[in-house]
Amino acid sequence: MPGLSGLEAAAELADAWPVSQTGARPFPALVFVTAYDQYAVQAFEVQAVDYLLKPVQAARLQKTVSKLQLALSQRAQAAINLEAYLDHTLNQLSQLRQLPGPGQPPLQVIQASVGNSIRMVPVAEVIYFEAADKYIRVLTAHGEYLIRTPLKDLLAQLDAQTFWQVHRGTVVRVSAIEAVASDENGRLSLSLRGSADKLAVSRLYSHLFRAM
């Protein structure tokens, strides 16, 4: 798939799916087809969304069809609240996207190009990361740097308890969050310590701040 992975495309669909408009359609049940039998496969197995491992076997496909038919039938009979179901799906997708890489220690130092030199930026000084075109902006209290590492690769190297992804292209240090504000449409934004910037929170990650 060009541009986005299947998981990223599903997350964007869920994030943009309307739930408050009259006549809004129920969010579709999702099935992922993957060629990689890794930790994500086990995660999908215990979640409401299903997966199929390539090459797809007929018996496994029938199991998926039966599971979907049962889920859709139960949803219709229970007249499930659309917003609650969508929030549940968003939470699942968010957790799956932030699963850590197996056995990989957290990143400690970032090598950023500054002119003809390399600046060693301690991860402990980073306030947030923001994807910008082909680069990632690395924001600290002392300055801004650019690196070319894809955000999904960077996420796999960060401590998930220290850094939270709050938008498709934004990852913030949890301890740098000073306040969380909500507008009239329920959209969240973050105020940060050590920075005047305001960061938007995608609906996909709004569950992170429900207790605040």
Protein backbone atom coordinates (compact mmCIF):
# COMPACT_ATOMS: atom_id res chain seq x y z
CA MET A 1 0.00 0.00 0.00
CA PRO A 2 1.51 3.34 -0.98
CA GLY A 3 1.77 6.04 1.67
CA LEU A 4 0.09 4.25 4.60
CA SER A 5 0.15 0.77 6.06
CA GLY A 6 -3.15 -1.06 6.51
CA LEU A 7 -3.06 -0.33 10.24
CA GLU A 8 -2.39 3.37 9.64
CA ALA A 9 -5.20 3.56 7.06
CA ALA A 10 -7.63 1.93 9.50
CA ALA A 11 -6.58 4.33 12.25
CA GLU A 12 -7.15 7.35 10.00
CA LEU A 13 -10.56 6.00 8.93
CA ALA A 14 -11.61 5.50 12.56
CA ASP A 15 -10.32 8.92 13.56
CA ALA A 16 -12.34 10.65 10.82
CA TRP A 17 -15.51 8.51 11.06
CA PRO A 18 -18.60 10.65 11.88
CA VAL A 19 -20.64 9.54 14.87
CA SER A 20 -22.68 12.60 15.86
CA GLN A 21 -24.37 13.33 12.53
CA THR A 22 -27.94 12.18 11.90
CA GLY A 23 -27.96 8.93 9.98
CA ALA A 24 -24.27 8.22 10.52
CA ARG A 25 -23.37 4.68 9.51
CA PRO A 26 -21.96 2.19 12.04
CA PHE A 27 -18.19 1.89 11.89
CA PRO A 28 -17.24 -1.19 9.84
CA ALA A 29 -15.74 -4.28 11.43
CA LEU A 30 -12.10 -4.48 10.35
CA VAL A 31 -10.11 -7.48 9.16
CA PHE A 32 -6.39 -7.19 8.43
CA VAL A 33 -4.56 -9.42 5.95
CA THR A 34 -0.85 -9.70 6.73
CA ALA A 35 2.18 -11.67 5.62
CA TYR A 36 3.99 -11.16 8.93
CA ASP A 37 3.48 -13.60 11.80
CA GLN A 38 4.86 -11.33 14.53
CA TYR A 39 3.66 -9.93 17.87
CA ALA A 40 0.90 -7.92 16.18
CA VAL A 41 -0.77 -11.15 15.09
CA GLN A 42 -1.24 -12.26 18.69
CA ALA A 43 -2.52 -8.78 19.57
CA PHE A 44 -5.14 -8.90 16.81
CA GLU A 45 -6.26 -12.36 17.94
CA VAL A 46 -7.45 -11.07 21.33
CA GLN A 47 -8.99 -7.86 20.01
CA ALA A 48 -12.36 -7.30 18.32
CA VAL A 49 -10.72 -6.87 14.91
CA ASP A 50 -9.51 -10.03 13.18
CA TYR A 51 -6.54 -10.88 10.94
CA LEU A 52 -5.75 -13.30 8.15
CA LEU A 53 -2.23 -14.56 7.59
CA LYS A 54 -1.03 -14.89 3.99
CA PRO A 55 -1.37 -17.19 2.18
CA VAL A 56 -5.02 -17.19 3.24
CA GLN A 57 -6.43 -20.62 4.03
CA ALA A 58 -10.07 -21.36 3.22
CA ALA A 59 -10.84 -22.70 6.71
CA ARG A 60 -9.34 -19.63 8.38
CA LEU A 61 -11.26 -17.33 6.03
CA GLN A 62 -14.53 -19.09 6.91
CA LYS A 63 -13.74 -18.63 10.61
CA THR A 64 -13.28 -14.90 10.00
CA VAL A 65 -16.54 -14.66 8.04
CA SER A 66 -18.43 -16.45 10.81
CA LYS A 67 -16.88 -14.18 13.45
CA LEU A 68 -17.86 -11.07 11.49
CA GLN A 69 -21.41 -12.31 10.90
CA LEU A 70 -21.84 -12.99 14.63
CA ALA A 71 -20.38 -9.62 15.62
CA LEU A 72 -22.56 -7.68 13.18
CA SER A 73 -25.66 -9.61 14.25
CA GLN A 74 -24.98 -8.94 17.94
CA ARG A 75 -24.33 -5.26 17.24
CA ALA A 76 -27.65 -4.91 15.41
CA GLN A 77 -29.63 -6.76 18.09
CA ALA A 78 -28.10 -4.75 20.90
CA ALA A 79 -28.44 -1.43 19.04
CA ILE A 80 -24.94 -0.67 20.27
CA ASN A 81 -24.01 2.97 20.85
CA LEU A 82 -22.00 4.01 17.77
CA GLU A 83 -19.73 6.41 19.59
CA ALA A 84 -18.87 3.89 22.30
CA TYR A 85 -18.10 1.25 19.68
CA LEU A 86 -15.93 3.66 17.70
CA ASP A 87 -14.06 4.74 20.84
CA HIS A 88 -13.41 1.07 21.61
CA THR A 89 -12.02 0.55 18.09
CA LEU A 90 -9.84 3.67 18.36
CA ASN A 91 -8.43 2.43 21.64
CA GLN A 92 -7.56 -0.95 20.10
CA LEU A 93 -5.84 0.61 17.08
CA SER A 94 -3.90 3.02 19.27
CA GLN A 95 -2.62 0.20 21.48
CA LEU A 96 -1.61 -1.91 18.48
CA ARG A 97 0.29 0.98 16.85
CA GLN A 98 2.27 1.59 20.02
CA LEU A 99 3.38 -1.97 20.73
CA PRO A 100 7.14 -1.90 21.41
CA GLY A 101 9.66 -3.68 19.25
CA PRO A 102 10.77 -7.04 20.68
CA GLY A 103 13.90 -6.86 22.84
CA GLN A 104 14.94 -3.39 21.70
CA PRO A 105 16.35 -1.00 24.36
CA PRO A 106 14.96 2.57 24.37
CA LEU A 107 16.83 5.16 22.33
CA GLN A 108 19.12 7.37 24.42
CA VAL A 109 20.73 9.75 21.90
CA ILE A 110 19.60 11.14 18.54
CA GLN A 111 22.12 12.00 15.85
CA ALA A 112 20.90 15.13 14.05
CA SER A 113 22.66 16.84 11.13
CA VAL A 114 23.55 20.50 11.72
CA GLY A 115 25.32 21.91 8.66
CA ASN A 116 28.41 19.78 8.11
CA SER A 117 28.41 18.35 11.61
CA ILE A 118 26.44 15.83 13.63
CA ARG A 119 24.76 17.01 16.83
CA MET A 120 24.26 14.39 19.54
CA VAL A 121 20.88 15.24 21.09
CA PRO A 122 19.98 13.38 24.32
CA VAL A 123 16.48 11.94 24.12
CA ALA A 124 16.01 13.13 27.71
CA GLU A 125 16.03 16.74 26.39
CA VAL A 126 13.36 16.19 23.72
CA ILE A 127 9.97 17.84 24.32
CA TYR A 128 8.26 16.44 21.24
CA PHE A 129 8.80 15.02 17.75
CA GLU A 130 6.81 16.21 14.74
CA ALA A 131 6.78 14.74 11.24
CA ALA A 132 7.39 17.36 8.53
CA ASP A 133 7.59 16.24 4.90
CA LYS A 134 10.54 13.82 4.67
CA TYR A 135 11.95 14.87 8.03
CA ILE A 136 11.10 14.75 11.71
CA ARG A 137 11.45 17.93 13.74
CA VAL A 138 13.07 17.28 17.09
CA LEU A 139 12.03 20.01 19.54
CA THR A 140 13.99 20.66 22.74
CA ALA A 141 14.06 23.60 25.15
CA HIS A 142 17.37 24.65 23.56
CA GLY A 143 16.58 24.39 19.87
CA GLU A 144 15.16 22.45 16.94
CA TYR A 145 16.80 19.73 14.87
CA LEU A 146 15.88 17.64 11.84
CA ILE A 147 16.35 13.92 11.32
CA ARG A 148 15.33 11.69 8.42
CA THR A 149 14.19 8.66 10.44
CA PRO A 150 10.57 7.63 9.62
CA LEU A 151 8.28 8.29 12.58
CA LYS A 152 7.15 4.66 12.83
CA ASP A 153 10.80 3.55 13.08
CA LEU A 154 11.51 6.21 15.71
CA LEU A 155 8.46 5.13 17.76
CA ALA A 156 9.79 1.58 17.95
CA GLN A 157 12.96 2.94 19.63
CA LEU A 158 11.24 5.17 22.22
CA ASP A 159 10.05 4.23 25.70
CA ALA A 160 6.25 4.01 25.38
CA GLN A 161 5.84 5.14 29.00
CA THR A 162 7.94 8.27 28.41
CA PHE A 163 6.67 9.32 24.96
CA TRP A 164 3.08 9.20 23.74
CA GLN A 165 1.91 9.50 20.17
CA VAL A 166 -0.93 12.06 20.21
CA HIS A 167 -1.41 12.55 16.48
CA ARG A 168 -0.44 10.80 13.27
CA GLY A 169 2.71 12.94 13.05
CA THR A 170 3.30 13.97 16.67
CA VAL A 171 4.96 12.23 19.61
CA VAL A 172 5.28 14.11 22.92
CA ARG A 173 7.17 13.56 26.15
CA VAL A 174 4.51 12.83 28.79
CA SER A 175 6.29 14.80 31.51
CA ALA A 176 6.37 17.88 29.25
CA ILE A 177 2.55 18.08 29.09
CA GLU A 178 1.41 20.95 31.29
CA ALA A 179 -2.32 21.09 30.47
CA VAL A 180 -4.97 19.50 28.23
CA ALA A 181 -7.72 21.72 26.82
CA SER A 182 -10.93 20.81 24.98
CA ASP A 183 -12.73 23.01 22.42
CA GLU A 184 -16.48 23.22 21.73
CA ASN A 185 -16.25 20.20 19.40
CA GLY A 186 -14.49 18.05 21.98
CA ARG A 187 -11.10 18.22 20.23
CA LEU A 188 -8.15 18.21 22.60
CA SER A 189 -4.96 20.27 22.52
CA LEU A 190 -1.85 20.20 24.71
CA SER A 191 0.11 23.00 26.38
CA LEU A 192 3.74 22.14 27.06
CA ARG A 193 6.39 22.96 29.60
CA GLY A 194 9.42 24.54 27.98
CA SER A 195 7.59 25.39 24.73
CA ALA A 196 4.92 27.87 23.63
CA ASP A 197 3.66 25.44 21.00
CA LYS A 198 0.17 23.94 21.18
CA LEU A 199 -0.23 20.35 20.01
CA ALA A 200 -3.46 18.96 18.59
CA VAL A 201 -4.60 15.54 19.84
CA SER A 202 -6.16 13.22 17.29
CA ARG A 203 -9.35 11.43 18.33
CA LEU A 204 -7.41 8.20 17.92
CA TYR A 205 -5.36 9.13 21.00
CA SER A 206 -7.89 11.13 23.03
CA HIS A 207 -8.47 8.16 25.37
CA LEU A 208 -5.00 8.82 26.83
CA PHE A 209 -6.34 11.94 28.51
CA ARG A 210 -9.79 10.86 29.65
CA ALA A 211 -8.73 10.66 33.30
CA MET A 212 -7.33 14.22 33.22
